C-alpha cells in the first residue's frame, strides 16, 4: 500500500462512481459527458502513479481487505507479472476515453456510452490486480457486461444484435469453463487466495489447467475459439475496438500466465509444446486472413488474432526470456494495435468508408493520422527501433532456448521447427501491415475523398501520445524489462 493509502482501490472506485454519476445525471450533462469521463479517467490514471512507484521501489504494491472469514481476504496486488497488462490497460483506457470525445460527436446517448466505457476499463484493471479466485471471476464478468452493451447499442446497426450475442455466448462459455476450473482448484487447495494455492504434478491439476486455459484462450481469441473476435472488433465503435483489441484480449494472456505458468507450472510445462503449436497455427491463420480483408477494421481484427498467436507461442516456451518477451509484447500490442484502431476509426470518421480498396492518398489529407499509422504499422511488423521489434525478438529467442535448453546438448527438433515457423510468420505481419498502409494512405487519392480533412484534436492527440510511447519503449525497453525479466528469471530460471 503506497504511503499507507489504498490508491489502487480508490482509482477503481473513482471509475465506478464516475461512471455511475454520468449515467444517473445523463440528462443534465448530455453534451459534457465526454469531458466528465475524461476528467474521471485522468484522476483514476494519476492515482496509479504511487502504486507504480511502489512497484519499482519495493517490488510490489499490495492492498487487502477482509470481507468475511469464508471468502478470505479480497485484495489488489500489482507485481511484476501484473505490471505489463495493468500499465497497458490504464494508459490505453485513458487515451481511449479522450479519443471517444471526438469520435462520439454525433453519437446518441453519449452519457450512457461513456458510463459503460468507464465500467469496462474498471473491470479490466480489476482483473489484472485480483488476488482471490472469486474476486477475479467477479471482475472477469464485470468486464463482459458493459462491453456487451457497448456493442449492442453502438455497433453497426445492421449486425450489432447478432454480433453482441455471439460475443456474449463465446465469452460466457469460456467463463463457465473457468468457473469449473476454479471450483476444482479450490477443492484441491481449500483456499481462494492465489498466493496460498500449491499445485503439484497430479493429473487433476492438468485437467484444471486445460479447463482454465480453454476459458482464457476464448478471451485471447486463439484458434479454434476465435470466431467471435473479427465481427466484434470490426463492428464495435472504434473507442471500444481500441480497448477490445488492445487490452481485453490481453487479459486472457495475463490470466494464462498467472494461473498456468505460476500456479499450475507442472501442467503448463507438460503441455508446452501443444501451447506453442497452437500459437504458431494462430499466427499463420490470423496473418493470412488479414491479408484477405478489405474492411479496414476487420483487417486489424484478424491481425490481433495473429498477434495473440505470438504471445501464446512465447508463453508456451516456458523460458524466462520467452515469457518475458510475451509479457512485454502485451504493452507493445496494447499501444500498437490501439493506435492502429484509432487511425482506422479516424479514417472511417472522416471519410465514411471502410473498404480499403476505395481509399488511397490519405497521407496528404490526414498527415497526423498517416504518421501515427506508420508507427503502429512498423511496430506490429517488428521494425527496429520500435517496441514491437524487441518483444518479438525476445519471443523468438525463447523458442530457440526451449529447443536448445543446454548449449552443446541435444536439440528438441519439435520446438526448433515450431520456432522457425514462428519466425517465418513475421513476413506475413509485414505483408498485411504494408498492404493496409499502402491502400489507405499512399497511392492516388480518389475524387470522392478530395475534401477529407484531418480528424479533431481529441482524436489525434491520443494517437500522437501512443506513437511516442511506442518509440520510447523501442529505444528504452529497459523501462519495462527491468521489472519483467528479473521476476520471470526468478520463477523460471535464467
Foldseek 3Di string as FASTA:
>chain_A
DQPPDPLLVVLLVLLLVLLVVLVVCVVVCVLPLLVSLLVSLVSSLVSCVSQVVCCVVVQKDKDWDAPDPQQGIKIFIDGLLLVLQLVLLSLLLSLLSLQVSQLCNPPPSVSNLSSLSSQLSSLLNQCSTIFFQVSNLVSLVSNLVSLLVQQQPAWDVVCSVVLSVLSVVLLVVLSVLLVVLQVLQCVVQVHGGLVRRADDLDPSLLSSLVSNLSSLCLLLLFPPNNVSQLVSLLGGQLSSNLCSLLRRNVSSLSVCCSCPCFRVVNSLLVCLLVQLVSLLVQLQVLLVVLQVDQFLRSSLRSLSSNLSSLLSNLVSLLALLSNLLSSLVSNVRSLLSSLSSLLLSQCCSQQVDGGLQQAAQCCVAAVLSLVLLVLSLCLQLLHPLFQNVSSSVSNLVSLQCSQVVDPPDHGNVSSVVSSVSSVVSSVSSNVSSVVSSHSHNHDDGDPSCPPGHHRDPSSSVSSVVSSVVRNCCSVVVCVSSVRRSVVSCVSRND
